[in-house]
Amino acid sequence: MNRVKVEGSRNIREAGWAATSLGEDGEKVFGTMEVLFANGQIYRYRLVPFETWHNFMNSPSKGSFLAKEIMPLWNASPQVWRVVICEKCGHLNETKVTS
């Protein structure tokens, strides 16, 4: 999934959304939303409507929107990822965090 840099947020570094299904009306699009936090953890939220993603990206406070509008309604995937930035090349290395 491609993520975009989130400007102006202390806690959210990047966010992305990818379509996964159409609604019953054939028009409402649902997808997986991915959030990379400043601590390096990635959370995936499944079946998030495109409209919610759009509202998140246009919100003046991404962290507040996520906490109030997304987290209570969509549980994050149990797969949590940690991102480590390579000091030599700057590449993001994602690894699954084991419980």
C-alpha atoms as a PDB file:
ATOM      1  CA  MET A   1       0.000   0.000   0.000  1.00  0.00           C
ATOM      2  CA  ASN A   2       1.241   3.457  -0.823  1.00  0.00           C
ATOM      3  CA  ARG A   3       1.166   5.885   2.062  1.00  0.00           C
ATOM      4  CA  VAL A   4       1.461   9.658   1.949  1.00  0.00           C
ATOM      5  CA  LYS A   5       3.292  11.831   4.421  1.00  0.00           C
ATOM      6  CA  VAL A   6       0.984  13.456   6.959  1.00  0.00           C
ATOM      7  CA  GLU A   7       1.998  17.048   7.596  1.00  0.00           C
ATOM      8  CA  GLY A   8       1.417  18.795  10.906  1.00  0.00           C
ATOM      9  CA  SER A   9       0.896  15.723  13.098  1.00  0.00           C
ATOM     10  CA  ARG A  10       3.196  14.797  15.960  1.00  0.00           C
ATOM     11  CA  ASN A  11       1.886  11.232  16.219  1.00  0.00           C
ATOM     12  CA  ILE A  12       1.057  10.219  12.656  1.00  0.00           C
ATOM     13  CA  ARG A  13       3.892  10.073  10.137  1.00  0.00           C
ATOM     14  CA  GLU A  14       2.129   8.573   7.096  1.00  0.00           C
ATOM     15  CA  ALA A  15      -1.285   7.251   6.081  1.00  0.00           C
ATOM     16  CA  GLY A  16      -2.685   5.334   3.140  1.00  0.00           C
ATOM     17  CA  TRP A  17      -5.906   3.800   1.864  1.00  0.00           C
ATOM     18  CA  ALA A  18      -6.508   1.090  -0.737  1.00  0.00           C
ATOM     19  CA  ALA A  19      -9.910   0.013  -2.093  1.00  0.00           C
ATOM     20  CA  THR A  20     -10.897  -3.548  -1.260  1.00  0.00           C
ATOM     21  CA  SER A  21     -14.635  -3.821  -1.996  1.00  0.00           C
ATOM     22  CA  LEU A  22     -17.788  -2.125  -3.207  1.00  0.00           C
ATOM     23  CA  GLY A  23     -20.826  -1.602  -1.048  1.00  0.00           C
ATOM     24  CA  GLU A  24     -24.145  -3.324  -1.734  1.00  0.00           C
ATOM     25  CA  ASP A  25     -25.278  -0.298  -3.709  1.00  0.00           C
ATOM     26  CA  GLY A  26     -22.288  -0.744  -6.006  1.00  0.00           C
ATOM     27  CA  GLU A  27     -21.165   2.782  -5.338  1.00  0.00           C
ATOM     28  CA  LYS A  28     -19.834   3.069  -1.799  1.00  0.00           C
ATOM     29  CA  VAL A  29     -16.207   1.967  -1.820  1.00  0.00           C
ATOM     30  CA  PHE A  30     -14.553   0.380   1.195  1.00  0.00           C
ATOM     31  CA  GLY A  31     -10.856  -0.132   1.767  1.00  0.00           C
ATOM     32  CA  THR A  32      -8.018  -0.780   4.140  1.00  0.00           C
ATOM     33  CA  MET A  33      -6.570   2.245   5.856  1.00  0.00           C
ATOM     34  CA  GLU A  34      -2.997   2.077   7.050  1.00  0.00           C
ATOM     35  CA  VAL A  35      -1.448   4.476   9.549  1.00  0.00           C
ATOM     36  CA  LEU A  36       2.265   4.748  10.317  1.00  0.00           C
ATOM     37  CA  PHE A  37       2.735   6.324  13.728  1.00  0.00           C
ATOM     38  CA  ALA A  38       5.763   8.330  14.823  1.00  0.00           C
ATOM     39  CA  ASN A  39       6.821   5.457  17.101  1.00  0.00           C
ATOM     40  CA  GLY A  40       7.236   3.236  14.022  1.00  0.00           C
ATOM     41  CA  GLN A  41       4.125   1.089  14.473  1.00  0.00           C
ATOM     42  CA  ILE A  42       1.733   0.519  11.582  1.00  0.00           C
ATOM     43  CA  TYR A  43      -1.940  -0.151  12.191  1.00  0.00           C
ATOM     44  CA  ARG A  44      -4.351  -1.384   9.529  1.00  0.00           C
ATOM     45  CA  TYR A  45      -8.060  -0.605   9.703  1.00  0.00           C
ATOM     46  CA  ARG A  46     -10.268  -2.752   7.456  1.00  0.00           C
ATOM     47  CA  LEU A  47     -13.470  -1.809   5.572  1.00  0.00           C
ATOM     48  CA  VAL A  48     -13.071   1.932   6.050  1.00  0.00           C
ATOM     49  CA  PRO A  49     -15.298   3.838   3.598  1.00  0.00           C
ATOM     50  CA  PHE A  50     -13.542   6.119   1.119  1.00  0.00           C
ATOM     51  CA  GLU A  51     -15.568   9.044   2.473  1.00  0.00           C
ATOM     52  CA  THR A  52     -14.084   8.487   5.953  1.00  0.00           C
ATOM     53  CA  TRP A  53     -10.574   8.330   4.470  1.00  0.00           C
ATOM     54  CA  HIS A  54     -11.240  11.541   2.550  1.00  0.00           C
ATOM     55  CA  ASN A  55     -12.520  13.270   5.694  1.00  0.00           C
ATOM     56  CA  PHE A  56      -9.477  12.061   7.654  1.00  0.00           C
ATOM     57  CA  MET A  57      -7.055  13.449   5.086  1.00  0.00           C
ATOM     58  CA  ASN A  58      -8.894  16.799   5.033  1.00  0.00           C
ATOM     59  CA  SER A  59      -9.174  17.055   8.805  1.00  0.00           C
ATOM     60  CA  PRO A  60      -7.152  19.816  10.485  1.00  0.00           C
ATOM     61  CA  SER A  61      -6.184  17.338  13.231  1.00  0.00           C
ATOM     62  CA  LYS A  62      -5.472  13.842  11.911  1.00  0.00           C
ATOM     63  CA  GLY A  63      -4.816  12.430  15.391  1.00  0.00           C
ATOM     64  CA  SER A  64      -8.104  13.728  16.796  1.00  0.00           C
ATOM     65  CA  PHE A  65     -10.057  12.510  13.771  1.00  0.00           C
ATOM     66  CA  LEU A  66      -8.457   9.067  14.021  1.00  0.00           C
ATOM     67  CA  ALA A  67      -9.197   8.840  17.755  1.00  0.00           C
ATOM     68  CA  LYS A  68     -12.809  10.045  17.495  1.00  0.00           C
ATOM     69  CA  GLU A  69     -14.033   8.835  14.099  1.00  0.00           C
ATOM     70  CA  ILE A  70     -11.987   5.750  13.172  1.00  0.00           C
ATOM     71  CA  MET A  71     -10.636   3.947  16.241  1.00  0.00           C
ATOM     72  CA  PRO A  72     -14.053   3.557  17.959  1.00  0.00           C
ATOM     73  CA  LEU A  73     -15.680   2.127  14.807  1.00  0.00           C
ATOM     74  CA  TRP A  74     -12.935   0.073  13.153  1.00  0.00           C
ATOM     75  CA  ASN A  75     -10.630  -2.122  15.155  1.00  0.00           C
ATOM     76  CA  ALA A  76      -7.062  -2.148  14.001  1.00  0.00           C
ATOM     77  CA  SER A  77      -5.821  -5.349  12.483  1.00  0.00           C
ATOM     78  CA  PRO A  78      -4.052  -7.527  15.060  1.00  0.00           C
ATOM     79  CA  GLN A  79      -1.039  -7.445  12.793  1.00  0.00           C
ATOM     80  CA  VAL A  80       1.070  -4.598  14.076  1.00  0.00           C
ATOM     81  CA  TRP A  81       4.168  -3.646  12.163  1.00  0.00           C
ATOM     82  CA  ARG A  82       7.238  -1.746  13.272  1.00  0.00           C
ATOM     83  CA  VAL A  83       9.123   0.457  10.863  1.00  0.00           C
ATOM     84  CA  VAL A  84      12.829   1.031  11.266  1.00  0.00           C
ATOM     85  CA  ILE A  85      14.631   3.549   9.102  1.00  0.00           C
ATOM     86  CA  CYS A  86      17.983   2.299   7.824  1.00  0.00           C
ATOM     87  CA  GLU A  87      20.669   4.740   8.966  1.00  0.00           C
ATOM     88  CA  LYS A  88      22.814   4.065   5.885  1.00  0.00           C
ATOM     89  CA  CYS A  89      20.285   4.457   3.077  1.00  0.00           C
ATOM     90  CA  GLY A  90      17.133   5.884   4.715  1.00  0.00           C
ATOM     91  CA  HIS A  91      14.986   2.933   3.501  1.00  0.00           C
ATOM     92  CA  LEU A  92      11.957   1.985   5.601  1.00  0.00           C
ATOM     93  CA  ASN A  93      12.160  -1.622   6.785  1.00  0.00           C
ATOM     94  CA  GLU A  94       8.826  -3.020   7.963  1.00  0.00           C
ATOM     95  CA  THR A  95       8.722  -6.036  10.239  1.00  0.00           C
ATOM     96  CA  LYS A  96       5.757  -7.727  11.906  1.00  0.00           C
ATOM     97  CA  VAL A  97       5.708  -7.360  15.679  1.00  0.00           C
ATOM     98  CA  THR A  98       5.170 -10.709  17.351  1.00  0.00           C
ATOM     99  CA  SER A  99       3.000 -10.889  20.431  1.00  0.00           C
END
